[in-house]
Amino acid sequence: MIQDKVVIITGASSGIGEATAKLLARKGAKVVLGARREAKLKRLAQDIQASGGQAIYQVMDVGSMEDNTRIVELAKQTYGQVDVIFLNAGIMPTAPLSALKTEEWNQTVDINIKGVLNGVAAALPTFLEQKSGHVITTSSVAGLKSYPGGAVYGGTKWFVRNFMEVLRMESAQEGTKIRTATISPAAIHTELLEDITHEGAAEAMKGLYERYAIEADRVANVVAFAIDQPEDTNVNEFTLGPTAQPW
């Protein structure tokens, strides 16, 4: 059931996060929105509230453990609990390794890996105490197969998949009833293309997305499906993308 569940969403100001927030709010969830851009967060929360939904927000950097802790506390103070944390924030700079975009490598690790670690570390004490909870992450098809130009980005997404699988297994062993879901999209309409500073990689990726990309609400539907399963059922991996794309 989605009705009345308290769902934290990082990377909520656009794309998959925004689409998921709107869908879950329509289905009766209480959404707690986190991202870096306050103006977009405020507008999204107002839109949800104007449509009869429940939403609050916090400006945050997922690379900050303090920010992750604060958004969990905000959810608990406002709504009394946390049922789901959707760790969706990410960046997608792609470039050949020979371009030596080392600053981008570190940024990608800080957001795509540390952002997940921080989110889980912030939510896990609550989930362990209540012996329930749901951790959902946005990975990528680049976390399932290797692509030239995607060594660092893909590596972070490989990490997410392995981390989430171990979290699922350990929860089952420990009887904490924490569910997990890792979503690996192919080409979805996104602002992430703006992160690509390598000219050749940017041109190639832009062409790919212009040809194939589907709307972010397709991923939101999958998030809702995972949450809506009975508490004794865990659907932990999804791969989705455009029917026409040979990913």
Protein backbone atom coordinates (compact mmCIF):
# COMPACT_ATOMS: atom_id res chain seq x y z
CA MET A 1 0.00 0.00 0.00
CA ILE A 2 1.22 3.50 -0.86
CA GLN A 3 -1.50 5.42 0.99
CA ASP A 4 -0.10 7.35 3.99
CA LYS A 5 3.45 6.06 3.56
CA VAL A 6 6.16 8.62 4.27
CA VAL A 7 8.61 8.67 1.37
CA ILE A 8 11.88 10.62 1.27
CA ILE A 9 13.09 11.36 -2.28
CA THR A 10 16.53 12.76 -3.06
CA GLY A 11 17.22 14.38 -6.40
CA ALA A 12 13.56 15.40 -6.26
CA SER A 13 13.70 18.70 -8.12
CA SER A 14 13.56 17.31 -11.66
CA GLY A 15 13.40 14.20 -13.83
CA ILE A 16 12.76 10.86 -12.14
CA GLY A 17 12.60 12.35 -8.66
CA GLU A 18 10.02 14.97 -9.59
CA ALA A 19 7.87 12.50 -11.53
CA THR A 20 7.99 10.02 -8.66
CA ALA A 21 7.06 12.64 -6.08
CA LYS A 22 4.01 13.71 -8.07
CA LEU A 23 2.84 10.13 -8.69
CA LEU A 24 3.29 8.93 -5.10
CA ALA A 25 1.57 12.05 -3.73
CA ARG A 26 -1.40 11.38 -6.03
CA LYS A 27 -1.54 7.89 -4.60
CA GLY A 28 -1.69 9.21 -1.05
CA ALA A 29 1.94 9.13 0.07
CA LYS A 30 3.43 11.91 2.19
CA VAL A 31 6.53 12.95 0.26
CA VAL A 32 9.64 14.58 1.69
CA LEU A 33 11.64 16.20 -1.08
CA GLY A 34 15.39 16.77 -1.06
CA ALA A 35 17.63 18.42 -3.67
CA ARG A 36 20.05 21.32 -4.12
CA ARG A 37 17.73 23.78 -5.91
CA GLU A 38 15.33 25.42 -3.50
CA ALA A 39 13.21 27.25 -6.06
CA LYS A 40 12.36 24.02 -7.88
CA LEU A 41 11.72 22.13 -4.63
CA LYS A 42 9.41 24.88 -3.37
CA ARG A 43 7.45 24.97 -6.62
CA LEU A 44 7.10 21.16 -6.69
CA ALA A 45 5.89 21.04 -3.08
CA GLN A 46 3.39 23.81 -3.78
CA ASP A 47 2.11 22.03 -6.89
CA ILE A 48 1.61 18.81 -4.94
CA GLN A 49 -0.17 20.62 -2.11
CA ALA A 50 -2.37 22.52 -4.56
CA SER A 51 -3.48 19.17 -5.98
CA GLY A 52 -4.47 17.91 -2.53
CA GLY A 53 -1.26 16.02 -1.77
CA GLN A 54 1.12 16.24 1.17
CA ALA A 55 4.70 17.41 0.60
CA ILE A 56 7.53 19.14 2.44
CA TYR A 57 11.07 19.83 1.31
CA GLN A 58 14.64 20.45 2.44
CA VAL A 59 17.55 21.83 0.47
CA MET A 60 20.33 19.26 0.71
CA ASP A 61 23.61 17.98 -0.64
CA VAL A 62 23.48 14.17 -0.60
CA GLY A 63 27.25 14.14 -0.11
CA SER A 64 26.69 15.62 3.35
CA MET A 65 25.92 13.13 6.11
CA GLU A 66 24.45 15.96 8.16
CA ASP A 67 21.99 16.87 5.39
CA ASN A 68 20.85 13.26 5.08
CA THR A 69 20.32 13.00 8.83
CA ARG A 70 18.36 16.27 8.83
CA ILE A 71 15.93 15.16 6.13
CA VAL A 72 15.18 11.92 7.98
CA GLU A 73 14.55 13.94 11.14
CA LEU A 74 12.35 16.37 9.19
CA ALA A 75 10.23 13.47 7.93
CA LYS A 76 9.86 12.01 11.42
CA GLN A 77 9.10 15.33 13.09
CA THR A 78 6.49 16.25 10.46
CA TYR A 79 4.87 12.91 9.72
CA GLY A 80 5.96 10.72 12.66
CA GLN A 81 7.75 8.05 10.67
CA VAL A 82 9.76 7.12 7.57
CA ASP A 83 8.63 4.20 5.43
CA VAL A 84 10.66 4.60 2.23
CA ILE A 85 13.83 6.40 1.19
CA PHE A 86 14.32 6.75 -2.57
CA LEU A 87 18.00 7.57 -3.14
CA ASN A 88 17.67 8.99 -6.61
CA ALA A 89 20.18 11.86 -6.70
CA GLY A 90 22.98 11.34 -9.20
CA ILE A 91 25.16 12.87 -11.90
CA MET A 92 26.24 11.37 -15.23
CA PRO A 93 29.44 12.95 -16.54
CA THR A 94 30.88 10.69 -19.22
CA ALA A 95 34.23 10.99 -20.99
CA PRO A 96 37.14 8.78 -22.08
CA LEU A 97 39.51 8.07 -19.21
CA SER A 98 42.28 9.62 -21.31
CA ALA A 99 40.54 12.99 -20.88
CA LEU A 100 41.58 12.79 -17.20
CA LYS A 101 38.48 14.52 -15.85
CA THR A 102 39.64 13.71 -12.33
CA GLU A 103 37.56 16.39 -10.62
CA GLU A 104 34.44 14.94 -12.25
CA TRP A 105 35.50 11.44 -11.17
CA ASN A 106 35.53 12.57 -7.55
CA GLN A 107 32.23 14.45 -7.85
CA THR A 108 30.60 11.35 -9.33
CA VAL A 109 31.81 9.20 -6.45
CA ASP A 110 30.71 11.79 -3.89
CA ILE A 111 27.15 11.97 -5.23
CA ASN A 112 26.47 8.55 -6.76
CA ILE A 113 28.18 6.44 -4.08
CA LYS A 114 28.51 8.55 -0.95
CA GLY A 115 25.02 9.92 -1.50
CA VAL A 116 23.64 6.38 -1.26
CA LEU A 117 25.83 5.48 1.72
CA ASN A 118 24.81 8.63 3.57
CA GLY A 119 21.13 8.12 2.85
CA VAL A 120 21.19 4.53 4.07
CA ALA A 121 23.21 5.46 7.15
CA ALA A 122 20.66 8.18 7.97
CA ALA A 123 17.57 6.00 7.49
CA LEU A 124 18.83 2.64 8.75
CA PRO A 125 18.61 3.31 12.50
CA THR A 126 14.91 4.15 12.12
CA PHE A 127 14.29 1.15 9.88
CA LEU A 128 16.08 -1.17 12.29
CA GLU A 129 14.16 0.17 15.26
CA GLN A 130 10.76 -0.22 13.60
CA LYS A 131 11.75 -3.47 11.84
CA SER A 132 10.43 -2.22 8.54
CA GLY A 133 11.49 0.14 5.78
CA HIS A 134 12.21 0.31 2.08
CA VAL A 135 15.39 1.53 0.41
CA ILE A 136 15.11 2.28 -3.32
CA THR A 137 17.97 3.47 -5.51
CA THR A 138 18.36 4.71 -9.06
CA SER A 139 21.19 2.81 -10.71
CA SER A 140 21.60 2.55 -14.51
CA VAL A 141 22.04 0.07 -17.32
CA ALA A 142 25.63 1.35 -17.08
CA GLY A 143 25.73 -0.55 -13.79
CA LEU A 144 24.88 -3.79 -15.61
CA LYS A 145 27.16 -3.59 -18.63
CA SER A 146 30.23 -1.63 -19.63
CA TYR A 147 30.26 1.28 -22.07
CA PRO A 148 33.24 3.28 -23.40
CA GLY A 149 33.23 6.68 -21.76
CA GLY A 150 31.34 5.39 -18.74
CA ALA A 151 34.10 3.88 -16.63
CA VAL A 152 33.61 6.07 -13.57
CA TYR A 153 29.86 6.66 -13.89
CA GLY A 154 29.24 2.99 -14.61
CA GLY A 155 31.54 1.99 -11.77
CA THR A 156 29.48 3.99 -9.29
CA LYS A 157 26.33 2.29 -10.52
CA TRP A 158 27.92 -1.17 -10.29
CA PHE A 159 28.68 -0.30 -6.68
CA VAL A 160 25.07 0.67 -5.99
CA ARG A 161 23.76 -2.62 -7.34
CA ASN A 162 26.15 -4.71 -5.22
CA PHE A 163 25.58 -2.60 -2.12
CA MET A 164 21.82 -2.92 -2.39
CA GLU A 165 21.94 -6.67 -2.92
CA VAL A 166 24.04 -7.11 0.22
CA LEU A 167 21.67 -4.84 2.15
CA ARG A 168 18.77 -7.05 1.06
CA MET A 169 20.57 -10.26 2.02
CA GLU A 170 21.72 -8.98 5.41
CA SER A 171 18.25 -7.70 6.24
CA ALA A 172 16.80 -11.12 5.45
CA GLN A 173 19.43 -12.82 7.62
CA GLU A 174 18.90 -10.40 10.50
CA GLY A 175 15.11 -10.41 10.29
CA THR A 176 14.82 -6.62 10.07
CA LYS A 177 12.29 -6.75 7.23
CA ILE A 178 13.93 -3.99 5.21
CA ARG A 179 12.98 -4.16 1.55
CA THR A 180 15.19 -2.96 -1.29
CA ALA A 181 14.74 -2.09 -4.95
CA THR A 182 17.42 -1.09 -7.45
CA ILE A 183 16.18 0.51 -10.67
CA SER A 184 18.44 0.51 -13.74
CA PRO A 185 17.05 2.80 -16.45
CA ALA A 186 18.34 3.21 -19.98
CA ALA A 187 17.57 6.49 -21.85
CA ILE A 188 15.10 8.57 -19.82
CA HIS A 189 14.50 12.30 -20.39
CA THR A 190 16.82 13.95 -17.88
CA GLU A 191 18.87 17.02 -17.05
CA LEU A 192 21.88 14.78 -16.42
CA LEU A 193 23.14 15.39 -19.94
CA GLU A 194 24.08 18.87 -18.74
CA ASP A 195 26.79 17.29 -16.56
CA ILE A 196 28.76 16.08 -19.57
CA THR A 197 31.60 18.51 -20.26
CA HIS A 198 33.53 16.40 -22.78
CA GLU A 199 32.41 17.68 -26.17
CA GLY A 200 32.51 14.35 -28.03
CA ALA A 201 30.78 12.43 -25.24
CA ALA A 202 28.14 15.14 -24.87
CA GLU A 203 27.34 15.13 -28.57
CA ALA A 204 27.06 11.34 -28.70
CA MET A 205 24.88 11.13 -25.61
CA LYS A 206 22.64 13.97 -26.75
CA GLY A 207 22.06 12.20 -30.06
CA LEU A 208 21.24 8.95 -28.27
CA TYR A 209 18.73 10.58 -25.97
CA GLU A 210 17.10 12.64 -28.70
CA ARG A 211 16.51 9.43 -30.63
CA TYR A 212 15.36 7.10 -27.86
CA ALA A 213 14.56 8.75 -24.53
CA ILE A 214 11.21 8.10 -22.84
CA GLU A 215 9.54 10.11 -20.09
CA ALA A 216 10.60 9.98 -16.45
CA ASP A 217 7.13 8.93 -15.31
CA ARG A 218 7.91 5.46 -16.69
CA VAL A 219 10.43 5.06 -13.90
CA ALA A 220 8.04 6.59 -11.37
CA ASN A 221 5.56 3.82 -12.23
CA VAL A 222 8.17 1.22 -11.33
CA VAL A 223 8.94 2.90 -8.00
CA ALA A 224 5.23 2.90 -7.16
CA PHE A 225 4.97 -0.78 -8.15
CA ALA A 226 7.82 -1.73 -5.82
CA ILE A 227 6.37 0.20 -2.88
CA ASP A 228 2.86 -1.15 -3.47
CA GLN A 229 3.84 -4.80 -3.01
CA PRO A 230 2.78 -6.61 0.17
CA GLU A 231 5.27 -6.17 3.02
CA ASP A 232 6.32 -9.82 2.74
CA THR A 233 7.31 -9.38 -0.93
CA ASN A 234 10.54 -7.81 -2.17
CA VAL A 235 11.03 -7.01 -5.85
CA ASN A 236 14.60 -5.86 -5.79
CA GLU A 237 15.84 -5.29 -9.35
CA PHE A 238 14.29 -3.56 -12.34
CA THR A 239 15.82 -2.80 -15.73
CA LEU A 240 13.79 -0.57 -18.00
CA GLY A 241 14.23 1.62 -21.02
CA PRO A 242 12.83 2.54 -24.41
CA THR A 243 11.48 -0.38 -26.40
CA ALA A 244 13.30 0.97 -29.45
CA GLN A 245 16.71 1.39 -27.77
CA PRO A 246 19.18 -1.52 -28.15
CA TRP A 247 20.55 -1.09 -24.65
